[in-house]
Amino acid sequence: MSNTIIEKIDAREDKDKTWRLSDSQSGHYLNVIFDRNLEEGMKVKRNFSFNRFESEQINELTKLVPHLTGDYSISIDSNAVGLAFMPIANCDAKSMMVEIS
């Protein structure tokens, strides 16, 4: 049985936040990059908790990790999320993932 390992890779104030979701069995991973402007936009346009959004998005993407066949990256920004600021469903996220070579 594989487990998903979630670790924060980069969270400096002046940079995008990056999380790595990796499969303990295969070693494949998905880097999830949250655009720092998305957090600011959420605060200005709506009174949303970015931490809650980030947590819900990571939880949704963990469903993909056991099925990864390589290493991937996905960028979560205002274009991807839209004005509703809802987490991207894992079925929609697949087409947004970029393979890391």
PDB file of N, CA and C in Angstrom:
ATOM      1  N   MET A   1       0.840  -1.176   0.000  1.00  0.00           N
ATOM      2  CA  MET A   1       0.000   0.000   0.000  1.00  0.00           C
ATOM      3  C   MET A   1       0.889   1.245   0.000  1.00  0.00           C
ATOM      4  N   SER A   2       0.568   2.176  -0.865  1.00  0.00           N
ATOM      5  CA  SER A   2       1.371   3.398  -0.939  1.00  0.00           C
ATOM      6  C   SER A   2       0.735   4.497  -0.109  1.00  0.00           C
ATOM      7  N   ASN A   3       1.574   5.370   0.356  1.00  0.00           N
ATOM      8  CA  ASN A   3       1.121   6.525   1.114  1.00  0.00           C
ATOM      9  C   ASN A   3       1.553   7.778   0.382  1.00  0.00           C
ATOM     10  N   THR A   4       0.755   8.814   0.499  1.00  0.00           N
ATOM     11  CA  THR A   4       1.111  10.095  -0.082  1.00  0.00           C
ATOM     12  C   THR A   4       1.839  10.920   0.960  1.00  0.00           C
ATOM     13  N   ILE A   5       2.990  11.431   0.586  1.00  0.00           N
ATOM     14  CA  ILE A   5       3.790  12.274   1.462  1.00  0.00           C
ATOM     15  C   ILE A   5       3.618  13.713   0.992  1.00  0.00           C
ATOM     16  N   ILE A   6       3.245  14.584   1.913  1.00  0.00           N
ATOM     17  CA  ILE A   6       3.036  15.996   1.591  1.00  0.00           C
ATOM     18  C   ILE A   6       4.105  16.804   2.303  1.00  0.00           C
ATOM     19  N   GLU A   7       4.854  17.588   1.512  1.00  0.00           N
ATOM     20  CA  GLU A   7       5.890  18.418   2.128  1.00  0.00           C
ATOM     21  C   GLU A   7       5.941  19.783   1.457  1.00  0.00           C
ATOM     22  N   LYS A   8       6.190  20.804   2.268  1.00  0.00           N
ATOM     23  CA  LYS A   8       6.325  22.159   1.741  1.00  0.00           C
ATOM     24  C   LYS A   8       7.754  22.326   1.261  1.00  0.00           C
ATOM     25  N   ILE A   9       7.914  22.707  -0.005  1.00  0.00           N
ATOM     26  CA  ILE A   9       9.229  22.859  -0.619  1.00  0.00           C
ATOM     27  C   ILE A   9       9.729  24.293  -0.483  1.00  0.00           C
ATOM     28  N   ASP A  10       8.873  25.258  -0.767  1.00  0.00           N
ATOM     29  CA  ASP A  10       9.272  26.661  -0.733  1.00  0.00           C
ATOM     30  C   ASP A  10       8.076  27.499  -0.320  1.00  0.00           C
ATOM     31  N   ALA A  11       8.293  28.390   0.650  1.00  0.00           N
ATOM     32  CA  ALA A  11       7.201  29.245   1.117  1.00  0.00           C
ATOM     33  C   ALA A  11       7.716  30.616   1.528  1.00  0.00           C
ATOM     34  N   ARG A  12       8.736  31.106   0.836  1.00  0.00           N
ATOM     35  CA  ARG A  12       9.242  32.437   1.162  1.00  0.00           C
ATOM     36  C   ARG A  12       8.235  33.498   0.752  1.00  0.00           C
ATOM     37  N   GLU A  13       8.223  34.582   1.491  1.00  0.00           N
ATOM     38  CA  GLU A  13       7.226  35.626   1.292  1.00  0.00           C
ATOM     39  C   GLU A  13       7.229  36.202  -0.120  1.00  0.00           C
ATOM     40  N   ASP A  14       8.391  36.334  -0.729  1.00  0.00           N
ATOM     41  CA  ASP A  14       8.487  36.967  -2.040  1.00  0.00           C
ATOM     42  C   ASP A  14       8.422  35.977  -3.203  1.00  0.00           C
ATOM     43  N   LYS A  15       8.130  34.724  -2.906  1.00  0.00           N
ATOM     44  CA  LYS A  15       8.071  33.701  -3.959  1.00  0.00           C
ATOM     45  C   LYS A  15       6.757  32.943  -3.894  1.00  0.00           C
ATOM     46  N   ASP A  16       6.484  32.198  -4.965  1.00  0.00           N
ATOM     47  CA  ASP A  16       5.313  31.326  -4.983  1.00  0.00           C
ATOM     48  C   ASP A  16       5.502  30.215  -3.954  1.00  0.00           C
ATOM     49  N   LYS A  17       4.382  29.718  -3.415  1.00  0.00           N
ATOM     50  CA  LYS A  17       4.447  28.598  -2.463  1.00  0.00           C
ATOM     51  C   LYS A  17       4.440  27.293  -3.252  1.00  0.00           C
ATOM     52  N   THR A  18       5.339  26.400  -2.887  1.00  0.00           N
ATOM     53  CA  THR A  18       5.435  25.122  -3.585  1.00  0.00           C
ATOM     54  C   THR A  18       5.312  23.972  -2.597  1.00  0.00           C
ATOM     55  N   TRP A  19       4.423  23.049  -2.916  1.00  0.00           N
ATOM     56  CA  TRP A  19       4.234  21.827  -2.140  1.00  0.00           C
ATOM     57  C   TRP A  19       4.583  20.648  -3.030  1.00  0.00           C
ATOM     58  N   ARG A  20       5.092  19.581  -2.433  1.00  0.00           N
ATOM     59  CA  ARG A  20       5.359  18.339  -3.179  1.00  0.00           C
ATOM     60  C   ARG A  20       4.499  17.228  -2.593  1.00  0.00           C
ATOM     61  N   LEU A  21       3.715  16.613  -3.469  1.00  0.00           N
ATOM     62  CA  LEU A  21       2.902  15.454  -3.107  1.00  0.00           C
ATOM     63  C   LEU A  21       3.566  14.254  -3.754  1.00  0.00           C
ATOM     64  N   SER A  22       4.110  13.359  -2.961  1.00  0.00           N
ATOM     65  CA  SER A  22       4.840  12.234  -3.544  1.00  0.00           C
ATOM     66  C   SER A  22       4.270  10.900  -3.068  1.00  0.00           C
ATOM     67  N   ASP A  23       4.431   9.908  -3.928  1.00  0.00           N
ATOM     68  CA  ASP A  23       3.968   8.557  -3.636  1.00  0.00           C
ATOM     69  C   ASP A  23       5.124   7.789  -2.993  1.00  0.00           C
ATOM     70  N   SER A  24       4.898   7.262  -1.810  1.00  0.00           N
ATOM     71  CA  SER A  24       5.976   6.580  -1.088  1.00  0.00           C
ATOM     72  C   SER A  24       6.421   5.297  -1.780  1.00  0.00           C
ATOM     73  N   GLN A  25       5.558   4.681  -2.549  1.00  0.00           N
ATOM     74  CA  GLN A  25       5.893   3.419  -3.199  1.00  0.00           C
ATOM     75  C   GLN A  25       6.631   3.631  -4.521  1.00  0.00           C
ATOM     76  N   SER A  26       6.099   4.471  -5.380  1.00  0.00           N
ATOM     77  CA  SER A  26       6.719   4.665  -6.698  1.00  0.00           C
ATOM     78  C   SER A  26       7.788   5.743  -6.697  1.00  0.00           C
ATOM     79  N   GLY A  27       7.693   6.669  -5.762  1.00  0.00           N
ATOM     80  CA  GLY A  27       8.632   7.780  -5.722  1.00  0.00           C
ATOM     81  C   GLY A  27       8.249   8.926  -6.646  1.00  0.00           C
ATOM     82  N   HIS A  28       7.215   8.764  -7.458  1.00  0.00           N
ATOM     83  CA  HIS A  28       6.771   9.836  -8.346  1.00  0.00           C
ATOM     84  C   HIS A  28       6.104  10.930  -7.531  1.00  0.00           C
ATOM     85  N   TYR A  29       6.186  12.153  -8.050  1.00  0.00           N
ATOM     86  CA  TYR A  29       5.648  13.282  -7.288  1.00  0.00           C
ATOM     87  C   TYR A  29       4.943  14.287  -8.189  1.00  0.00           C
ATOM     88  N   LEU A  30       4.149  15.135  -7.527  1.00  0.00           N
ATOM     89  CA  LEU A  30       3.473  16.253  -8.164  1.00  0.00           C
ATOM     90  C   LEU A  30       3.838  17.499  -7.376  1.00  0.00           C
ATOM     91  N   ASN A  31       4.525  18.440  -8.021  1.00  0.00           N
ATOM     92  CA  ASN A  31       4.809  19.726  -7.403  1.00  0.00           C
ATOM     93  C   ASN A  31       3.612  20.637  -7.647  1.00  0.00           C
ATOM     94  N   VAL A  32       3.071  21.201  -6.586  1.00  0.00           N
ATOM     95  CA  VAL A  32       1.920  22.091  -6.673  1.00  0.00           C
ATOM     96  C   VAL A  32       2.422  23.491  -6.348  1.00  0.00           C
ATOM     97  N   ILE A  33       2.351  24.379  -7.322  1.00  0.00           N
ATOM     98  CA  ILE A  33       2.880  25.735  -7.174  1.00  0.00           C
ATOM     99  C   ILE A  33       1.706  26.711  -7.090  1.00  0.00           C
ATOM    100  N   PHE A  34       1.589  27.375  -5.937  1.00  0.00           N
ATOM    101  CA  PHE A  34       0.541  28.371  -5.732  1.00  0.00           C
ATOM    102  C   PHE A  34       1.126  29.751  -6.011  1.00  0.00           C
ATOM    103  N   ASP A  35       0.565  30.436  -6.980  1.00  0.00           N
ATOM    104  CA  ASP A  35       1.019  31.774  -7.342  1.00  0.00           C
ATOM    105  C   ASP A  35       0.778  32.732  -6.171  1.00  0.00           C
ATOM    106  N   ARG A  36       1.804  33.499  -5.809  1.00  0.00           N
ATOM    107  CA  ARG A  36       1.663  34.388  -4.656  1.00  0.00           C
ATOM    108  C   ARG A  36       0.646  35.495  -4.905  1.00  0.00           C
ATOM    109  N   ASN A  37       0.440  35.870  -6.168  1.00  0.00           N
ATOM    110  CA  ASN A  37      -0.567  36.884  -6.487  1.00  0.00           C
ATOM    111  C   ASN A  37      -1.987  36.368  -6.283  1.00  0.00           C
ATOM    112  N   LEU A  38      -2.160  35.050  -6.347  1.00  0.00           N
ATOM    113  CA  LEU A  38      -3.477  34.463  -6.102  1.00  0.00           C
ATOM    114  C   LEU A  38      -3.913  34.734  -4.669  1.00  0.00           C
ATOM    115  N   GLU A  39      -2.995  34.581  -3.730  1.00  0.00           N
ATOM    116  CA  GLU A  39      -3.317  34.836  -2.317  1.00  0.00           C
ATOM    117  C   GLU A  39      -3.744  36.281  -2.119  1.00  0.00           C
ATOM    118  N   GLU A  40      -3.026  37.211  -2.695  1.00  0.00           N
ATOM    119  CA  GLU A  40      -3.368  38.631  -2.565  1.00  0.00           C
ATOM    120  C   GLU A  40      -4.717  38.919  -3.215  1.00  0.00           C
ATOM    121  N   GLY A  41      -4.947  38.326  -4.369  1.00  0.00           N
ATOM    122  CA  GLY A  41      -6.214  38.515  -5.061  1.00  0.00           C
ATOM    123  C   GLY A  41      -7.399  38.000  -4.270  1.00  0.00           C
ATOM    124  N   MET A  42      -7.205  36.893  -3.585  1.00  0.00           N
ATOM    125  CA  MET A  42      -8.284  36.331  -2.760  1.00  0.00           C
ATOM    126  C   MET A  42      -8.621  37.265  -1.610  1.00  0.00           C
ATOM    127  N   LYS A  43      -7.616  37.891  -1.041  1.00  0.00           N
ATOM    128  CA  LYS A  43      -7.840  38.805   0.081  1.00  0.00           C
ATOM    129  C   LYS A  43      -8.559  40.075  -0.372  1.00  0.00           C
ATOM    130  N   VAL A  44      -8.213  40.563  -1.551  1.00  0.00           N
ATOM    131  CA  VAL A  44      -8.777  41.812  -2.047  1.00  0.00           C
ATOM    132  C   VAL A  44     -10.201  41.620  -2.562  1.00  0.00           C
ATOM    133  N   LYS A  45     -10.402  40.602  -3.398  1.00  0.00           N
ATOM    134  CA  LYS A  45     -11.693  40.422  -4.058  1.00  0.00           C
ATOM    135  C   LYS A  45     -12.744  39.765  -3.175  1.00  0.00           C
ATOM    136  N   ARG A  46     -12.296  38.901  -2.308  1.00  0.00           N
ATOM    137  CA  ARG A  46     -13.229  38.193  -1.432  1.00  0.00           C
ATOM    138  C   ARG A  46     -12.543  37.948  -0.106  1.00  0.00           C
ATOM    139  N   ASN A  47     -13.312  37.739   0.892  1.00  0.00           N
ATOM    140  CA  ASN A  47     -12.751  37.503   2.214  1.00  0.00           C
ATOM    141  C   ASN A  47     -12.548  36.001   2.419  1.00  0.00           C
ATOM    142  N   PHE A  48     -11.703  35.403   1.580  1.00  0.00           N
ATOM    143  CA  PHE A  48     -11.439  33.976   1.663  1.00  0.00           C
ATOM    144  C   PHE A  48     -10.153  33.703   2.419  1.00  0.00           C
ATOM    145  N   SER A  49     -10.102  32.594   3.079  1.00  0.00           N
ATOM    146  CA  SER A  49      -8.888  32.153   3.736  1.00  0.00           C
ATOM    147  C   SER A  49      -8.039  31.410   2.716  1.00  0.00           C
ATOM    148  N   PHE A  50      -6.874  31.958   2.410  1.00  0.00           N
ATOM    149  CA  PHE A  50      -5.999  31.299   1.448  1.00  0.00           C
ATOM    150  C   PHE A  50      -5.516  29.965   2.000  1.00  0.00           C
ATOM    151  N   ASN A  51      -5.240  29.898   3.296  1.00  0.00           N
ATOM    152  CA  ASN A  51      -4.768  28.644   3.899  1.00  0.00           C
ATOM    153  C   ASN A  51      -5.799  27.540   3.733  1.00  0.00           C
ATOM    154  N   ARG A  52      -7.059  27.879   3.893  1.00  0.00           N
ATOM    155  CA  ARG A  52      -8.115  26.868   3.715  1.00  0.00           C
ATOM    156  C   ARG A  52      -8.187  26.437   2.251  1.00  0.00           C
ATOM    157  N   PHE A  53      -8.132  27.402   1.335  1.00  0.00           N
ATOM    158  CA  PHE A  53      -8.141  27.086  -0.093  1.00  0.00           C
ATOM    159  C   PHE A  53      -6.964  26.181  -0.446  1.00  0.00           C
ATOM    160  N   GLU A  54      -5.788  26.544   0.048  1.00  0.00           N
ATOM    161  CA  GLU A  54      -4.575  25.772  -0.225  1.00  0.00           C
ATOM    162  C   GLU A  54      -4.724  24.337   0.285  1.00  0.00           C
ATOM    163  N   SER A  55      -5.252  24.187   1.480  1.00  0.00           N
ATOM    164  CA  SER A  55      -5.454  22.867   2.078  1.00  0.00           C
ATOM    165  C   SER A  55      -6.461  22.040   1.276  1.00  0.00           C
ATOM    166  N   GLU A  56      -7.569  22.663   0.883  1.00  0.00           N
ATOM    167  CA  GLU A  56      -8.585  21.953   0.097  1.00  0.00           C
ATOM    168  C   GLU A  56      -8.025  21.546  -1.269  1.00  0.00           C
ATOM    169  N   GLN A  57      -7.217  22.420  -1.873  1.00  0.00           N
ATOM    170  CA  GLN A  57      -6.637  22.097  -3.178  1.00  0.00           C
ATOM    171  C   GLN A  57      -5.661  20.936  -3.070  1.00  0.00           C
ATOM    172  N   ILE A  58      -4.825  20.953  -2.063  1.00  0.00           N
ATOM    173  CA  ILE A  58      -3.870  19.859  -1.862  1.00  0.00           C
ATOM    174  C   ILE A  58      -4.604  18.552  -1.600  1.00  0.00           C
ATOM    175  N   ASN A  59      -5.641  18.600  -0.779  1.00  0.00           N
ATOM    176  CA  ASN A  59      -6.426  17.389  -0.511  1.00  0.00           C
ATOM    177  C   ASN A  59      -7.034  16.828  -1.790  1.00  0.00           C
ATOM    178  N   GLU A  60      -7.510  17.697  -2.658  1.00  0.00           N
ATOM    179  CA  GLU A  60      -8.100  17.250  -3.926  1.00  0.00           C
ATOM    180  C   GLU A  60      -7.040  16.610  -4.819  1.00  0.00           C
ATOM    181  N   LEU A  61      -5.854  17.199  -4.869  1.00  0.00           N
ATOM    182  CA  LEU A  61      -4.802  16.690  -5.748  1.00  0.00           C
ATOM    183  C   LEU A  61      -4.143  15.419  -5.229  1.00  0.00           C
ATOM    184  N   THR A  62      -4.247  15.143  -3.940  1.00  0.00           N
ATOM    185  CA  THR A  62      -3.651  13.914  -3.410  1.00  0.00           C
ATOM    186  C   THR A  62      -4.300  12.672  -4.017  1.00  0.00           C
ATOM    187  N   LYS A  63      -5.508  12.808  -4.523  1.00  0.00           N
ATOM    188  CA  LYS A  63      -6.188  11.679  -5.167  1.00  0.00           C
ATOM    189  C   LYS A  63      -5.464  11.229  -6.435  1.00  0.00           C
ATOM    190  N   LEU A  64      -4.696  12.131  -7.049  1.00  0.00           N
ATOM    191  CA  LEU A  64      -3.972  11.809  -8.282  1.00  0.00           C
ATOM    192  C   LEU A  64      -2.650  11.093  -8.026  1.00  0.00           C
ATOM    193  N   VAL A  65      -2.072  11.305  -6.857  1.00  0.00           N
ATOM    194  CA  VAL A  65      -0.703  10.857  -6.590  1.00  0.00           C
ATOM    195  C   VAL A  65      -0.490   9.353  -6.770  1.00  0.00           C
ATOM    196  N   PRO A  66      -1.358   8.475  -6.284  1.00  0.00           N
ATOM    197  CA  PRO A  66      -1.106   7.034  -6.468  1.00  0.00           C
ATOM    198  C   PRO A  66      -1.090   6.590  -7.932  1.00  0.00           C
ATOM    199  N   HIS A  67      -1.616   7.415  -8.826  1.00  0.00           N
ATOM    200  CA  HIS A  67      -1.729   7.047 -10.234  1.00  0.00           C
ATOM    201  C   HIS A  67      -0.675   7.716 -11.114  1.00  0.00           C
ATOM    202  N   LEU A  68       0.249   8.446 -10.513  1.00  0.00           N
ATOM    203  CA  LEU A  68       1.273   9.127 -11.300  1.00  0.00           C
ATOM    204  C   LEU A  68       2.223   8.121 -11.944  1.00  0.00           C
ATOM    205  N   THR A  69       2.562   8.380 -13.204  1.00  0.00           N
ATOM    206  CA  THR A  69       3.500   7.512 -13.928  1.00  0.00           C
ATOM    207  C   THR A  69       4.824   8.221 -14.183  1.00  0.00           C
ATOM    208  N   GLY A  70       4.955   9.418 -13.640  1.00  0.00           N
ATOM    209  CA  GLY A  70       6.163  10.219 -13.785  1.00  0.00           C
ATOM    210  C   GLY A  70       6.104  11.356 -12.787  1.00  0.00           C
ATOM    211  N   ASP A  71       7.027  12.298 -12.924  1.00  0.00           N
ATOM    212  CA  ASP A  71       7.064  13.462 -12.052  1.00  0.00           C
ATOM    213  C   ASP A  71       6.423  14.639 -12.783  1.00  0.00           C
ATOM    214  N   TYR A  72       5.550  15.361 -12.073  1.00  0.00           N
ATOM    215  CA  TYR A  72       4.767  16.424 -12.693  1.00  0.00           C
ATOM    216  C   TYR A  72       4.779  17.686 -11.847  1.00  0.00           C
ATOM    217  N   SER A  73       4.321  18.761 -12.485  1.00  0.00           N
ATOM    218  CA  SER A  73       4.179  20.052 -11.837  1.00  0.00           C
ATOM    219  C   SER A  73       2.849  20.644 -12.277  1.00  0.00           C
ATOM    220  N   ILE A  74       2.206  21.385 -11.392  1.00  0.00           N
ATOM    221  CA  ILE A  74       0.976  22.094 -11.740  1.00  0.00           C
ATOM    222  C   ILE A  74       1.028  23.466 -11.077  1.00  0.00           C
ATOM    223  N   SER A  75       0.647  24.487 -11.835  1.00  0.00           N
ATOM    224  CA  SER A  75       0.614  25.851 -11.311  1.00  0.00           C
ATOM    225  C   SER A  75      -0.829  26.252 -11.032  1.00  0.00           C
ATOM    226  N   ILE A  76      -1.042  26.705  -9.823  1.00  0.00           N
ATOM    227  CA  ILE A  76      -2.370  27.156  -9.420  1.00  0.00           C
ATOM    228  C   ILE A  76      -2.309  28.685  -9.365  1.00  0.00           C
ATOM    229  N   ASP A  77      -2.985  29.323 -10.318  1.00  0.00           N
ATOM    230  CA  ASP A  77      -3.002  30.781 -10.349  1.00  0.00           C
ATOM    231  C   ASP A  77      -4.430  31.261 -10.612  1.00  0.00           C
ATOM    232  N   SER A  78      -4.607  32.574 -10.736  1.00  0.00           N
ATOM    233  CA  SER A  78      -5.957  33.119 -10.905  1.00  0.00           C
ATOM    234  C   SER A  78      -6.595  32.674 -12.212  1.00  0.00           C
ATOM    235  N   ASN A  79      -5.808  32.444 -13.246  1.00  0.00           N
ATOM    236  CA  ASN A  79      -6.365  31.955 -14.511  1.00  0.00           C
ATOM    237  C   ASN A  79      -6.920  30.545 -14.359  1.00  0.00           C
ATOM    238  N   ALA A  80      -6.245  29.722 -13.590  1.00  0.00           N
ATOM    239  CA  ALA A  80      -6.678  28.334 -13.393  1.00  0.00           C
ATOM    240  C   ALA A  80      -7.895  28.246 -12.480  1.00  0.00           C
ATOM    241  N   VAL A  81      -7.924  29.085 -11.467  1.00  0.00           N
ATOM    242  CA  VAL A  81      -8.973  29.010 -10.450  1.00  0.00           C
ATOM    243  C   VAL A  81     -10.216  29.793 -10.840  1.00  0.00           C
ATOM    244  N   GLY A  82     -10.037  30.936 -11.482  1.00  0.00           N
ATOM    245  CA  GLY A  82     -11.169  31.771 -11.860  1.00  0.00           C
ATOM    246  C   GLY A  82     -11.661  32.630 -10.707  1.00  0.00           C
ATOM    247  N   LEU A  83     -12.734  33.328 -10.929  1.00  0.00           N
ATOM    248  CA  LEU A  83     -13.258  34.264  -9.937  1.00  0.00           C
ATOM    249  C   LEU A  83     -13.961  33.595  -8.767  1.00  0.00           C
ATOM    250  N   ALA A  84     -14.315  32.341  -8.918  1.00  0.00           N
ATOM    251  CA  ALA A  84     -15.014  31.641  -7.839  1.00  0.00           C
ATOM    252  C   ALA A  84     -14.063  31.216  -6.726  1.00  0.00           C
ATOM    253  N   PHE A  85     -12.767  31.163  -7.027  1.00  0.00           N
ATOM    254  CA  PHE A  85     -11.752  30.747  -6.064  1.00  0.00           C
ATOM    255  C   PHE A  85     -12.067  29.385  -5.456  1.00  0.00           C
ATOM    256  N   MET A  86     -12.513  28.477  -6.319  1.00  0.00           N
ATOM    257  CA  MET A  86     -12.790  27.110  -5.888  1.00  0.00           C
ATOM    258  C   MET A  86     -11.609  26.229  -6.274  1.00  0.00           C
ATOM    259  N   PRO A  87     -11.279  25.250  -5.433  1.00  0.00           N
ATOM    260  CA  PRO A  87     -10.187  24.334  -5.793  1.00  0.00           C
ATOM    261  C   PRO A  87     -10.471  23.614  -7.113  1.00  0.00           C
ATOM    262  N   ILE A  88      -9.420  23.349  -7.839  1.00  0.00           N
ATOM    263  CA  ILE A  88      -9.526  22.657  -9.126  1.00  0.00           C
ATOM    264  C   ILE A  88      -9.739  21.170  -8.857  1.00  0.00           C
ATOM    265  N   ALA A  89     -10.751  20.597  -9.490  1.00  0.00           N
ATOM    266  CA  ALA A  89     -11.033  19.167  -9.330  1.00  0.00           C
ATOM    267  C   ALA A  89      -9.902  18.353  -9.944  1.00  0.00           C
ATOM    268  N   ASN A  90      -9.648  17.171  -9.372  1.00  0.00           N
ATOM    269  CA  ASN A  90      -8.531  16.360  -9.873  1.00  0.00           C
ATOM    270  C   ASN A  90      -8.711  15.964 -11.329  1.00  0.00           C
ATOM    271  N   CYS A  91      -9.936  15.786 -11.787  1.00  0.00           N
ATOM    272  CA  CYS A  91     -10.153  15.430 -13.197  1.00  0.00           C
ATOM    273  C   CYS A  91      -9.772  16.597 -14.114  1.00  0.00           C
ATOM    274  N   ASP A  92      -9.965  17.826 -13.680  1.00  0.00           N
ATOM    275  CA  ASP A  92      -9.570  18.998 -14.465  1.00  0.00           C
ATOM    276  C   ASP A  92      -8.073  19.257 -14.345  1.00  0.00           C
ATOM    277  N   ALA A  93      -7.504  18.903 -13.217  1.00  0.00           N
ATOM    278  CA  ALA A  93      -6.084  19.162 -12.967  1.00  0.00           C
ATOM    279  C   ALA A  93      -5.189  18.333 -13.882  1.00  0.00           C
ATOM    280  N   LYS A  94      -5.632  17.152 -14.271  1.00  0.00           N
ATOM    281  CA  LYS A  94      -4.804  16.282 -15.118  1.00  0.00           C
ATOM    282  C   LYS A  94      -4.336  16.992 -16.373  1.00  0.00           C
ATOM    283  N   SER A  95      -5.219  17.748 -17.011  1.00  0.00           N
ATOM    284  CA  SER A  95      -4.841  18.426 -18.247  1.00  0.00           C
ATOM    285  C   SER A  95      -3.925  19.625 -18.001  1.00  0.00           C
ATOM    286  N   MET A  96      -3.825  20.065 -16.772  1.00  0.00           N
ATOM    287  CA  MET A  96      -2.982  21.213 -16.434  1.00  0.00           C
ATOM    288  C   MET A  96      -1.590  20.791 -15.960  1.00  0.00           C
ATOM    289  N   MET A  97      -1.396  19.495 -15.744  1.00  0.00           N
ATOM    290  CA  MET A  97      -0.122  18.997 -15.229  1.00  0.00           C
ATOM    291  C   MET A  97       0.924  18.964 -16.341  1.00  0.00           C
ATOM    292  N   VAL A  98       2.137  19.365 -15.988  1.00  0.00           N
ATOM    293  CA  VAL A  98       3.260  19.372 -16.927  1.00  0.00           C
ATOM    294  C   VAL A  98       4.289  18.376 -16.427  1.00  0.00           C
ATOM    295  N   GLU A  99       4.705  17.467 -17.304  1.00  0.00           N
ATOM    296  CA  GLU A  99       5.684  16.468 -16.903  1.00  0.00           C
ATOM    297  C   GLU A  99       7.060  17.111 -16.746  1.00  0.00           C
ATOM    298  N   ILE A 100       7.741  16.745 -15.677  1.00  0.00           N
ATOM    299  CA  ILE A 100       9.098  17.226 -15.401  1.00  0.00           C
ATOM    300  C   ILE A 100      10.072  16.201 -15.970  1.00  0.00           C
ATOM    301  N   SER A 101      10.984  16.668 -16.810  1.00  0.00           N
ATOM    302  CA  SER A 101      11.945  15.727 -17.388  1.00  0.00           C
ATOM    303  C   SER A 101      13.302  15.843 -16.736  1.00  0.00           C
TER     304      SER A 101
END
